[in-house]
Amino acid sequence: MIYPPNAIHAVRALYGADSYRSASGDGRVKWKDGHETTAEETAAIDAKVIELQAEYDAQDYARNRKLEYDVLNQFELISDDDANGTTTHKDAITAIKTKWPKDNSGPVE
């Protein structure tokens, strides 16, 4: 997930994209069948937002790594390493992985 989760993501995950006409980030839902959102549905949506937020937070390191990977011209680095017998690409990737560890304790400088 690219963006932080909200109630819209939770409604889609729980009930499917075809179950509602519109939903707002704060949890207001207009259902296709016209029913009012029940207390149980509200509780389920709130719980799902918390679950999705935990999953999103756990992937913070991956989003940070991707930002740095995207700056590298990896094909050129790989090609240059092959031609020159160097490890520039491998070293750059290792440095990014070290900076942004999977336990989300980064950045490690």
PDB file of N, CA and C in Angstrom:
ATOM      1  N   MET A   1       0.845  -1.169   0.000  1.00  0.00           N
ATOM      2  CA  MET A   1       0.000   0.000   0.000  1.00  0.00           C
ATOM      3  C   MET A   1       0.895   1.237   0.000  1.00  0.00           C
ATOM      4  N   ILE A   2       0.640   2.119  -0.935  1.00  0.00           N
ATOM      5  CA  ILE A   2       1.468   3.307  -1.094  1.00  0.00           C
ATOM      6  C   ILE A   2       1.102   4.379  -0.071  1.00  0.00           C
ATOM      7  N   TYR A   3      -0.182   4.553   0.167  1.00  0.00           N
ATOM      8  CA  TYR A   3      -0.652   5.605   1.058  1.00  0.00           C
ATOM      9  C   TYR A   3      -1.101   5.001   2.385  1.00  0.00           C
ATOM     10  N   PRO A   4      -1.026   5.777   3.465  1.00  0.00           N
ATOM     11  CA  PRO A   4      -1.501   5.249   4.751  1.00  0.00           C
ATOM     12  C   PRO A   4      -2.969   4.824   4.645  1.00  0.00           C
ATOM     13  N   PRO A   5      -3.321   3.722   5.300  1.00  0.00           N
ATOM     14  CA  PRO A   5      -4.685   3.212   5.197  1.00  0.00           C
ATOM     15  C   PRO A   5      -5.689   4.100   5.931  1.00  0.00           C
ATOM     16  N   ASN A   6      -6.919   4.050   5.460  1.00  0.00           N
ATOM     17  CA  ASN A   6      -8.013   4.749   6.128  1.00  0.00           C
ATOM     18  C   ASN A   6      -9.254   3.873   6.034  1.00  0.00           C
ATOM     19  N   ALA A   7     -10.393   4.419   6.410  1.00  0.00           N
ATOM     20  CA  ALA A   7     -11.631   3.633   6.445  1.00  0.00           C
ATOM     21  C   ALA A   7     -12.037   3.120   5.068  1.00  0.00           C
ATOM     22  N   ILE A   8     -11.727   3.859   4.026  1.00  0.00           N
ATOM     23  CA  ILE A   8     -12.062   3.397   2.675  1.00  0.00           C
ATOM     24  C   ILE A   8     -11.343   2.085   2.378  1.00  0.00           C
ATOM     25  N   HIS A   9     -10.062   2.017   2.701  1.00  0.00           N
ATOM     26  CA  HIS A   9      -9.301   0.782   2.498  1.00  0.00           C
ATOM     27  C   HIS A   9      -9.900  -0.358   3.320  1.00  0.00           C
ATOM     28  N   ALA A  10     -10.305  -0.042   4.543  1.00  0.00           N
ATOM     29  CA  ALA A  10     -10.879  -1.070   5.413  1.00  0.00           C
ATOM     30  C   ALA A  10     -12.199  -1.587   4.863  1.00  0.00           C
ATOM     31  N   VAL A  11     -13.064  -0.693   4.401  1.00  0.00           N
ATOM     32  CA  VAL A  11     -14.348  -1.118   3.831  1.00  0.00           C
ATOM     33  C   VAL A  11     -14.114  -2.012   2.625  1.00  0.00           C
ATOM     34  N   ARG A  12     -13.194  -1.628   1.769  1.00  0.00           N
ATOM     35  CA  ARG A  12     -12.895  -2.454   0.584  1.00  0.00           C
ATOM     36  C   ARG A  12     -12.368  -3.819   0.994  1.00  0.00           C
ATOM     37  N   ALA A  13     -11.474  -3.853   1.990  1.00  0.00           N
ATOM     38  CA  ALA A  13     -10.901  -5.123   2.423  1.00  0.00           C
ATOM     39  C   ALA A  13     -11.947  -6.025   3.073  1.00  0.00           C
ATOM     40  N   LEU A  14     -12.845  -5.431   3.834  1.00  0.00           N
ATOM     41  CA  LEU A  14     -13.840  -6.222   4.557  1.00  0.00           C
ATOM     42  C   LEU A  14     -15.041  -6.617   3.714  1.00  0.00           C
ATOM     43  N   TYR A  15     -15.535  -5.693   2.899  1.00  0.00           N
ATOM     44  CA  TYR A  15     -16.818  -5.899   2.232  1.00  0.00           C
ATOM     45  C   TYR A  15     -16.737  -5.888   0.708  1.00  0.00           C
ATOM     46  N   GLY A  16     -15.593  -5.536   0.172  1.00  0.00           N
ATOM     47  CA  GLY A  16     -15.423  -5.498  -1.277  1.00  0.00           C
ATOM     48  C   GLY A  16     -15.758  -4.136  -1.856  1.00  0.00           C
ATOM     49  N   ALA A  17     -15.162  -3.843  -2.992  1.00  0.00           N
ATOM     50  CA  ALA A  17     -15.329  -2.540  -3.636  1.00  0.00           C
ATOM     51  C   ALA A  17     -16.734  -2.335  -4.177  1.00  0.00           C
ATOM     52  N   ASP A  18     -17.462  -3.410  -4.396  1.00  0.00           N
ATOM     53  CA  ASP A  18     -18.808  -3.293  -4.954  1.00  0.00           C
ATOM     54  C   ASP A  18     -19.901  -3.209  -3.891  1.00  0.00           C
ATOM     55  N   SER A  19     -19.520  -3.110  -2.627  1.00  0.00           N
ATOM     56  CA  SER A  19     -20.513  -3.135  -1.553  1.00  0.00           C
ATOM     57  C   SER A  19     -21.032  -1.752  -1.172  1.00  0.00           C
ATOM     58  N   TYR A  20     -20.385  -0.700  -1.627  1.00  0.00           N
ATOM     59  CA  TYR A  20     -20.771   0.640  -1.197  1.00  0.00           C
ATOM     60  C   TYR A  20     -20.798   1.608  -2.374  1.00  0.00           C
ATOM     61  N   ARG A  21     -21.566   2.665  -2.227  1.00  0.00           N
ATOM     62  CA  ARG A  21     -21.609   3.723  -3.246  1.00  0.00           C
ATOM     63  C   ARG A  21     -20.491   4.719  -3.024  1.00  0.00           C
ATOM     64  N   SER A  22     -20.306   5.107  -1.770  1.00  0.00           N
ATOM     65  CA  SER A  22     -19.226   6.032  -1.436  1.00  0.00           C
ATOM     66  C   SER A  22     -18.816   5.786   0.007  1.00  0.00           C
ATOM     67  N   ALA A  23     -17.580   6.148   0.277  1.00  0.00           N
ATOM     68  CA  ALA A  23     -17.052   6.040   1.636  1.00  0.00           C
ATOM     69  C   ALA A  23     -16.081   7.181   1.829  1.00  0.00           C
ATOM     70  N   SER A  24     -15.976   7.621   3.059  1.00  0.00           N
ATOM     71  CA  SER A  24     -15.043   8.687   3.360  1.00  0.00           C
ATOM     72  C   SER A  24     -13.947   8.145   4.265  1.00  0.00           C
ATOM     73  N   GLY A  25     -12.853   8.858   4.309  1.00  0.00           N
ATOM     74  CA  GLY A  25     -11.726   8.430   5.119  1.00  0.00           C
ATOM     75  C   GLY A  25     -12.039   8.332   6.596  1.00  0.00           C
ATOM     76  N   ASP A  26     -13.090   9.022   7.045  1.00  0.00           N
ATOM     77  CA  ASP A  26     -13.446   8.964   8.468  1.00  0.00           C
ATOM     78  C   ASP A  26     -14.464   7.866   8.773  1.00  0.00           C
ATOM     79  N   GLY A  27     -14.820   7.067   7.793  1.00  0.00           N
ATOM     80  CA  GLY A  27     -15.673   5.908   8.043  1.00  0.00           C
ATOM     81  C   GLY A  27     -17.134   6.051   7.683  1.00  0.00           C
ATOM     82  N   ARG A  28     -17.547   7.192   7.159  1.00  0.00           N
ATOM     83  CA  ARG A  28     -18.945   7.319   6.729  1.00  0.00           C
ATOM     84  C   ARG A  28     -19.121   6.551   5.423  1.00  0.00           C
ATOM     85  N   VAL A  29     -20.088   5.647   5.409  1.00  0.00           N
ATOM     86  CA  VAL A  29     -20.290   4.769   4.255  1.00  0.00           C
ATOM     87  C   VAL A  29     -21.728   4.883   3.773  1.00  0.00           C
ATOM     88  N   LYS A  30     -21.895   5.005   2.460  1.00  0.00           N
ATOM     89  CA  LYS A  30     -23.214   4.899   1.836  1.00  0.00           C
ATOM     90  C   LYS A  30     -23.217   3.558   1.101  1.00  0.00           C
ATOM     91  N   TRP A  31     -23.980   2.614   1.659  1.00  0.00           N
ATOM     92  CA  TRP A  31     -24.015   1.259   1.129  1.00  0.00           C
ATOM     93  C   TRP A  31     -24.918   1.193  -0.093  1.00  0.00           C
ATOM     94  N   LYS A  32     -24.579   0.310  -1.026  1.00  0.00           N
ATOM     95  CA  LYS A  32     -25.395   0.144  -2.229  1.00  0.00           C
ATOM     96  C   LYS A  32     -26.798  -0.353  -1.905  1.00  0.00           C
ATOM     97  N   ASP A  33     -26.927  -1.163  -0.877  1.00  0.00           N
ATOM     98  CA  ASP A  33     -28.258  -1.664  -0.532  1.00  0.00           C
ATOM     99  C   ASP A  33     -29.050  -0.675   0.322  1.00  0.00           C
ATOM    100  N   GLY A  34     -28.450   0.464   0.668  1.00  0.00           N
ATOM    101  CA  GLY A  34     -29.140   1.527   1.377  1.00  0.00           C
ATOM    102  C   GLY A  34     -29.195   1.402   2.889  1.00  0.00           C
ATOM    103  N   HIS A  35     -28.638   0.341   3.455  1.00  0.00           N
ATOM    104  CA  HIS A  35     -28.713   0.193   4.910  1.00  0.00           C
ATOM    105  C   HIS A  35     -27.775   1.179   5.614  1.00  0.00           C
ATOM    106  N   GLU A  36     -28.109   1.487   6.857  1.00  0.00           N
ATOM    107  CA  GLU A  36     -27.259   2.328   7.691  1.00  0.00           C
ATOM    108  C   GLU A  36     -26.124   1.469   8.255  1.00  0.00           C
ATOM    109  N   THR A  37     -24.983   2.071   8.426  1.00  0.00           N
ATOM    110  CA  THR A  37     -23.855   1.339   8.992  1.00  0.00           C
ATOM    111  C   THR A  37     -24.163   0.963  10.431  1.00  0.00           C
ATOM    112  N   THR A  38     -24.016  -0.333  10.730  1.00  0.00           N
ATOM    113  CA  THR A  38     -24.301  -0.819  12.078  1.00  0.00           C
ATOM    114  C   THR A  38     -23.104  -0.583  12.998  1.00  0.00           C
ATOM    115  N   ALA A  39     -23.338  -0.703  14.292  1.00  0.00           N
ATOM    116  CA  ALA A  39     -22.255  -0.567  15.270  1.00  0.00           C
ATOM    117  C   ALA A  39     -21.203  -1.647  15.049  1.00  0.00           C
ATOM    118  N   GLU A  40     -21.658  -2.852  14.687  1.00  0.00           N
ATOM    119  CA  GLU A  40     -20.722  -3.947  14.425  1.00  0.00           C
ATOM    120  C   GLU A  40     -19.856  -3.652  13.208  1.00  0.00           C
ATOM    121  N   GLU A  41     -20.467  -3.088  12.172  1.00  0.00           N
ATOM    122  CA  GLU A  41     -19.696  -2.730  10.977  1.00  0.00           C
ATOM    123  C   GLU A  41     -18.693  -1.631  11.301  1.00  0.00           C
ATOM    124  N   THR A  42     -19.115  -0.650  12.069  1.00  0.00           N
ATOM    125  CA  THR A  42     -18.213   0.429  12.462  1.00  0.00           C
ATOM    126  C   THR A  42     -17.032  -0.121  13.253  1.00  0.00           C
ATOM    127  N   ALA A  43     -17.313  -1.022  14.187  1.00  0.00           N
ATOM    128  CA  ALA A  43     -16.244  -1.635  14.983  1.00  0.00           C
ATOM    129  C   ALA A  43     -15.304  -2.448  14.098  1.00  0.00           C
ATOM    130  N   ALA A  44     -15.867  -3.192  13.154  1.00  0.00           N
ATOM    131  CA  ALA A  44     -15.041  -3.995  12.239  1.00  0.00           C
ATOM    132  C   ALA A  44     -14.175  -3.093  11.363  1.00  0.00           C
ATOM    133  N   ILE A  45     -14.751  -2.002  10.876  1.00  0.00           N
ATOM    134  CA  ILE A  45     -13.995  -1.062  10.037  1.00  0.00           C
ATOM    135  C   ILE A  45     -12.861  -0.445  10.849  1.00  0.00           C
ATOM    136  N   ASP A  46     -13.161  -0.008  12.065  1.00  0.00           N
ATOM    137  CA  ASP A  46     -12.126   0.589  12.923  1.00  0.00           C
ATOM    138  C   ASP A  46     -11.007  -0.407  13.215  1.00  0.00           C
ATOM    139  N   ALA A  47     -11.366  -1.655  13.498  1.00  0.00           N
ATOM    140  CA  ALA A  47     -10.361  -2.691  13.773  1.00  0.00           C
ATOM    141  C   ALA A  47      -9.519  -2.968  12.539  1.00  0.00           C
ATOM    142  N   LYS A  48     -10.158  -2.978  11.369  1.00  0.00           N
ATOM    143  CA  LYS A  48      -9.430  -3.245  10.124  1.00  0.00           C
ATOM    144  C   LYS A  48      -8.464  -2.109   9.815  1.00  0.00           C
ATOM    145  N   VAL A  49      -8.858  -0.862  10.098  1.00  0.00           N
ATOM    146  CA  VAL A  49      -7.942   0.268   9.891  1.00  0.00           C
ATOM    147  C   VAL A  49      -6.695   0.084  10.753  1.00  0.00           C
ATOM    148  N   ILE A  50      -6.884  -0.325  12.000  1.00  0.00           N
ATOM    149  CA  ILE A  50      -5.745  -0.552  12.893  1.00  0.00           C
ATOM    150  C   ILE A  50      -4.856  -1.661  12.349  1.00  0.00           C
ATOM    151  N   GLU A  51      -5.461  -2.734  11.871  1.00  0.00           N
ATOM    152  CA  GLU A  51      -4.702  -3.852  11.283  1.00  0.00           C
ATOM    153  C   GLU A  51      -3.931  -3.405  10.046  1.00  0.00           C
ATOM    154  N   LEU A  52      -4.605  -2.684   9.157  1.00  0.00           N
ATOM    155  CA  LEU A  52      -3.944  -2.204   7.940  1.00  0.00           C
ATOM    156  C   LEU A  52      -2.833  -1.211   8.264  1.00  0.00           C
ATOM    157  N   GLN A  53      -3.029  -0.374   9.289  1.00  0.00           N
ATOM    158  CA  GLN A  53      -1.996   0.578   9.693  1.00  0.00           C
ATOM    159  C   GLN A  53      -0.764  -0.157  10.203  1.00  0.00           C
ATOM    160  N   ALA A  54      -0.956  -1.229  10.960  1.00  0.00           N
ATOM    161  CA  ALA A  54       0.172  -2.020  11.453  1.00  0.00           C
ATOM    162  C   ALA A  54       0.955  -2.632  10.289  1.00  0.00           C
ATOM    163  N   GLU A  55       0.228  -3.150   9.287  1.00  0.00           N
ATOM    164  CA  GLU A  55       0.887  -3.703   8.105  1.00  0.00           C
ATOM    165  C   GLU A  55       1.645  -2.609   7.352  1.00  0.00           C
ATOM    166  N   TYR A  56       1.022  -1.456   7.228  1.00  0.00           N
ATOM    167  CA  TYR A  56       1.650  -0.323   6.541  1.00  0.00           C
ATOM    168  C   TYR A  56       2.919   0.109   7.279  1.00  0.00           C
ATOM    169  N   ASP A  57       2.837   0.240   8.589  1.00  0.00           N
ATOM    170  CA  ASP A  57       3.988   0.650   9.388  1.00  0.00           C
ATOM    171  C   ASP A  57       5.123  -0.357   9.283  1.00  0.00           C
ATOM    172  N   ALA A  58       4.785  -1.649   9.230  1.00  0.00           N
ATOM    173  CA  ALA A  58       5.803  -2.697   9.139  1.00  0.00           C
ATOM    174  C   ALA A  58       6.585  -2.622   7.832  1.00  0.00           C
ATOM    175  N   GLN A  59       6.013  -2.001   6.814  1.00  0.00           N
ATOM    176  CA  GLN A  59       6.675  -1.895   5.513  1.00  0.00           C
ATOM    177  C   GLN A  59       7.361  -0.546   5.293  1.00  0.00           C
ATOM    178  N   ASP A  60       7.517   0.233   6.345  1.00  0.00           N
ATOM    179  CA  ASP A  60       8.152   1.543   6.225  1.00  0.00           C
ATOM    180  C   ASP A  60       9.571   1.429   5.665  1.00  0.00           C
ATOM    181  N   TYR A  61      10.322   0.432   6.144  1.00  0.00           N
ATOM    182  CA  TYR A  61      11.687   0.246   5.654  1.00  0.00           C
ATOM    183  C   TYR A  61      11.695   0.028   4.141  1.00  0.00           C
ATOM    184  N   ALA A  62      10.729  -0.723   3.634  1.00  0.00           N
ATOM    185  CA  ALA A  62      10.684  -1.033   2.198  1.00  0.00           C
ATOM    186  C   ALA A  62      10.401   0.217   1.381  1.00  0.00           C
ATOM    187  N   ARG A  63       9.496   1.070   1.874  1.00  0.00           N
ATOM    188  CA  ARG A  63       9.225   2.324   1.162  1.00  0.00           C
ATOM    189  C   ARG A  63      10.458   3.228   1.160  1.00  0.00           C
ATOM    190  N   ASN A  64      11.176   3.272   2.285  1.00  0.00           N
ATOM    191  CA  ASN A  64      12.391   4.085   2.348  1.00  0.00           C
ATOM    192  C   ASN A  64      13.478   3.525   1.440  1.00  0.00           C
ATOM    193  N   ARG A  65      13.626   2.213   1.420  1.00  0.00           N
ATOM    194  CA  ARG A  65      14.608   1.600   0.514  1.00  0.00           C
ATOM    195  C   ARG A  65      14.275   1.921  -0.940  1.00  0.00           C
ATOM    196  N   LYS A  66      12.999   1.794  -1.292  1.00  0.00           N
ATOM    197  CA  LYS A  66      12.604   2.031  -2.676  1.00  0.00           C
ATOM    198  C   LYS A  66      12.952   3.443  -3.118  1.00  0.00           C
ATOM    199  N   LEU A  67      12.741   4.419  -2.253  1.00  0.00           N
ATOM    200  CA  LEU A  67      13.092   5.801  -2.602  1.00  0.00           C
ATOM    201  C   LEU A  67      14.566   5.918  -2.979  1.00  0.00           C
ATOM    202  N   GLU A  68      15.407   5.226  -2.239  1.00  0.00           N
ATOM    203  CA  GLU A  68      16.845   5.294  -2.527  1.00  0.00           C
ATOM    204  C   GLU A  68      17.234   4.412  -3.712  1.00  0.00           C
ATOM    205  N   TYR A  69      16.586   3.254  -3.854  1.00  0.00           N
ATOM    206  CA  TYR A  69      16.861   2.412  -5.018  1.00  0.00           C
ATOM    207  C   TYR A  69      16.524   3.152  -6.306  1.00  0.00           C
ATOM    208  N   ASP A  70      15.422   3.892  -6.293  1.00  0.00           N
ATOM    209  CA  ASP A  70      14.975   4.587  -7.500  1.00  0.00           C
ATOM    210  C   ASP A  70      15.972   5.643  -7.962  1.00  0.00           C
ATOM    211  N   VAL A  71      16.777   6.160  -7.052  1.00  0.00           N
ATOM    212  CA  VAL A  71      17.766   7.184  -7.408  1.00  0.00           C
ATOM    213  C   VAL A  71      18.962   6.562  -8.138  1.00  0.00           C
ATOM    214  N   LEU A  72      19.222   5.293  -7.837  1.00  0.00           N
ATOM    215  CA  LEU A  72      20.354   4.613  -8.480  1.00  0.00           C
ATOM    216  C   LEU A  72      20.051   4.314  -9.941  1.00  0.00           C
ATOM    217  N   ASN A  73      21.052   4.431 -10.764  1.00  0.00           N
ATOM    218  CA  ASN A  73      20.941   3.956 -12.140  1.00  0.00           C
ATOM    219  C   ASN A  73      21.500   2.534 -12.124  1.00  0.00           C
ATOM    220  N   GLN A  74      20.653   1.589 -11.694  1.00  0.00           N
ATOM    221  CA  GLN A  74      21.131   0.246 -11.398  1.00  0.00           C
ATOM    222  C   GLN A  74      21.665  -0.503 -12.614  1.00  0.00           C
ATOM    223  N   PHE A  75      21.014  -0.346 -13.760  1.00  0.00           N
ATOM    224  CA  PHE A  75      21.505  -1.046 -14.953  1.00  0.00           C
ATOM    225  C   PHE A  75      22.900  -0.567 -15.339  1.00  0.00           C
ATOM    226  N   GLU A  76      23.115   0.718 -15.232  1.00  0.00           N
ATOM    227  CA  GLU A  76      24.442   1.253 -15.552  1.00  0.00           C
ATOM    228  C   GLU A  76      25.475   0.762 -14.535  1.00  0.00           C
ATOM    229  N   LEU A  77      25.110   0.757 -13.268  1.00  0.00           N
ATOM    230  CA  LEU A  77      26.039   0.269 -12.251  1.00  0.00           C
ATOM    231  C   LEU A  77      26.395  -1.196 -12.486  1.00  0.00           C
ATOM    232  N   ILE A  78      25.395  -2.008 -12.800  1.00  0.00           N
ATOM    233  CA  ILE A  78      25.632  -3.429 -13.056  1.00  0.00           C
ATOM    234  C   ILE A  78      26.529  -3.600 -14.272  1.00  0.00           C
ATOM    235  N   SER A  79      26.231  -2.846 -15.327  1.00  0.00           N
ATOM    236  CA  SER A  79      27.032  -2.927 -16.550  1.00  0.00           C
ATOM    237  C   SER A  79      28.472  -2.488 -16.293  1.00  0.00           C
ATOM    238  N   ASP A  80      28.628  -1.375 -15.591  1.00  0.00           N
ATOM    239  CA  ASP A  80      29.978  -0.889 -15.272  1.00  0.00           C
ATOM    240  C   ASP A  80      30.735  -1.888 -14.405  1.00  0.00           C
ATOM    241  N   ASP A  81      30.055  -2.483 -13.431  1.00  0.00           N
ATOM    242  CA  ASP A  81      30.701  -3.477 -12.576  1.00  0.00           C
ATOM    243  C   ASP A  81      31.168  -4.676 -13.392  1.00  0.00           C
ATOM    244  N   ASP A  82      30.339  -5.093 -14.342  1.00  0.00           N
ATOM    245  CA  ASP A  82      30.707  -6.223 -15.191  1.00  0.00           C
ATOM    246  C   ASP A  82      31.931  -5.882 -16.036  1.00  0.00           C
ATOM    247  N   ALA A  83      31.927  -4.686 -16.595  1.00  0.00           N
ATOM    248  CA  ALA A  83      33.040  -4.275 -17.463  1.00  0.00           C
ATOM    249  C   ALA A  83      34.319  -4.017 -16.683  1.00  0.00           C
ATOM    250  N   ASN A  84      34.184  -3.495 -15.465  1.00  0.00           N
ATOM    251  CA  ASN A  84      35.358  -3.075 -14.699  1.00  0.00           C
ATOM    252  C   ASN A  84      35.771  -4.041 -13.597  1.00  0.00           C
ATOM    253  N   GLY A  85      34.987  -5.080 -13.382  1.00  0.00           N
ATOM    254  CA  GLY A  85      35.299  -6.024 -12.311  1.00  0.00           C
ATOM    255  C   GLY A  85      35.124  -5.415 -10.927  1.00  0.00           C
ATOM    256  N   THR A  86      34.205  -4.459 -10.796  1.00  0.00           N
ATOM    257  CA  THR A  86      33.977  -3.798  -9.511  1.00  0.00           C
ATOM    258  C   THR A  86      32.670  -4.292  -8.885  1.00  0.00           C
ATOM    259  N   THR A  87      32.386  -3.798  -7.690  1.00  0.00           N
ATOM    260  CA  THR A  87      31.162  -4.186  -6.974  1.00  0.00           C
ATOM    261  C   THR A  87      30.362  -2.948  -6.550  1.00  0.00           C
ATOM    262  N   THR A  88      30.380  -1.922  -7.358  1.00  0.00           N
ATOM    263  CA  THR A  88      29.712  -0.665  -7.017  1.00  0.00           C
ATOM    264  C   THR A  88      28.216  -0.860  -6.778  1.00  0.00           C
ATOM    265  N   HIS A  89      27.562  -1.603  -7.657  1.00  0.00           N
ATOM    266  CA  HIS A  89      26.122  -1.836  -7.508  1.00  0.00           C
ATOM    267  C   HIS A  89      25.832  -2.597  -6.232  1.00  0.00           C
ATOM    268  N   LYS A  90      26.526  -3.693  -6.042  1.00  0.00           N
ATOM    269  CA  LYS A  90      26.329  -4.514  -4.845  1.00  0.00           C
ATOM    270  C   LYS A  90      26.578  -3.686  -3.585  1.00  0.00           C
ATOM    271  N   ASP A  91      27.611  -2.867  -3.594  1.00  0.00           N
ATOM    272  CA  ASP A  91      27.937  -2.031  -2.435  1.00  0.00           C
ATOM    273  C   ASP A  91      26.848  -0.994  -2.174  1.00  0.00           C
ATOM    274  N   ALA A  92      26.296  -0.411  -3.230  1.00  0.00           N
ATOM    275  CA  ALA A  92      25.240   0.593  -3.076  1.00  0.00           C
ATOM    276  C   ALA A  92      23.983  -0.041  -2.486  1.00  0.00           C
ATOM    277  N   ILE A  93      23.620  -1.228  -2.963  1.00  0.00           N
ATOM    278  CA  ILE A  93      22.446  -1.929  -2.448  1.00  0.00           C
ATOM    279  C   ILE A  93      22.651  -2.314  -0.983  1.00  0.00           C
ATOM    280  N   THR A  94      23.823  -2.820  -0.664  1.00  0.00           N
ATOM    281  CA  THR A  94      24.129  -3.187   0.720  1.00  0.00           C
ATOM    282  C   THR A  94      24.056  -1.974   1.639  1.00  0.00           C
ATOM    283  N   ALA A  95      24.558  -0.836   1.191  1.00  0.00           N
ATOM    284  CA  ALA A  95      24.519   0.387   1.997  1.00  0.00           C
ATOM    285  C   ALA A  95      23.067   0.816   2.269  1.00  0.00           C
ATOM    286  N   ILE A  96      22.203   0.705   1.265  1.00  0.00           N
ATOM    287  CA  ILE A  96      20.795   1.074   1.442  1.00  0.00           C
ATOM    288  C   ILE A  96      20.119   0.109   2.414  1.00  0.00           C
ATOM    289  N   LYS A  97      20.387  -1.182   2.263  1.00  0.00           N
ATOM    290  CA  LYS A  97      19.780  -2.169   3.162  1.00  0.00           C
ATOM    291  C   LYS A  97      20.276  -1.974   4.597  1.00  0.00           C
ATOM    292  N   THR A  98      21.534  -1.593   4.749  1.00  0.00           N
ATOM    293  CA  THR A  98      22.073  -1.333   6.084  1.00  0.00           C
ATOM    294  C   THR A  98      21.437  -0.085   6.684  1.00  0.00           C
ATOM    295  N   LYS A  99      21.252   0.931   5.855  1.00  0.00           N
ATOM    296  CA  LYS A  99      20.646   2.186   6.327  1.00  0.00           C
ATOM    297  C   LYS A  99      19.202   1.984   6.753  1.00  0.00           C
ATOM    298  N   TRP A 100      18.449   1.145   6.035  1.00  0.00           N
ATOM    299  CA  TRP A 100      17.024   0.919   6.299  1.00  0.00           C
ATOM    300  C   TRP A 100      16.787  -0.549   6.627  1.00  0.00           C
ATOM    301  N   PRO A 101      17.120  -0.998   7.858  1.00  0.00           N
ATOM    302  CA  PRO A 101      16.927  -2.407   8.220  1.00  0.00           C
ATOM    303  C   PRO A 101      15.451  -2.788   8.319  1.00  0.00           C
ATOM    304  N   LYS A 102      15.188  -4.074   8.169  1.00  0.00           N
ATOM    305  CA  LYS A 102      13.811  -4.575   8.167  1.00  0.00           C
ATOM    306  C   LYS A 102      13.086  -4.363   9.491  1.00  0.00           C
ATOM    307  N   ASP A 103      13.813  -4.098  10.559  1.00  0.00           N
ATOM    308  CA  ASP A 103      13.146  -3.862  11.848  1.00  0.00           C
ATOM    309  C   ASP A 103      12.689  -2.418  12.010  1.00  0.00           C
ATOM    310  N   ASN A 104      12.790  -1.620  10.913  1.00  0.00           N
ATOM    311  CA  ASN A 104      12.356  -0.223  10.899  1.00  0.00           C
ATOM    312  C   ASN A 104      13.094   0.654  11.904  1.00  0.00           C
ATOM    313  N   SER A 105      14.339   0.291  12.232  1.00  0.00           N
ATOM    314  CA  SER A 105      15.113   1.083  13.186  1.00  0.00           C
ATOM    315  C   SER A 105      15.930   2.166  12.493  1.00  0.00           C
ATOM    316  N   GLY A 106      15.796   2.272  11.166  1.00  0.00           N
ATOM    317  CA  GLY A 106      16.588   3.239  10.412  1.00  0.00           C
ATOM    318  C   GLY A 106      16.041   4.646  10.504  1.00  0.00           C
ATOM    319  N   PRO A 107      16.757   5.585   9.977  1.00  0.00           N
ATOM    320  CA  PRO A 107      17.970   5.359   9.220  1.00  0.00           C
ATOM    321  C   PRO A 107      19.184   5.130  10.128  1.00  0.00           C
ATOM    322  N   VAL A 108      19.999   4.169   9.743  1.00  0.00           N
ATOM    323  CA  VAL A 108      21.256   3.904  10.420  1.00  0.00           C
ATOM    324  C   VAL A 108      22.339   4.584   9.606  1.00  0.00           C
ATOM    325  N   GLU A 109      22.952   5.576  10.168  1.00  0.00           N
ATOM    326  CA  GLU A 109      23.982   6.346   9.435  1.00  0.00           C
ATOM    327  C   GLU A 109      25.352   5.783   9.672  1.00  0.00           C
TER     328      GLU A 109
END
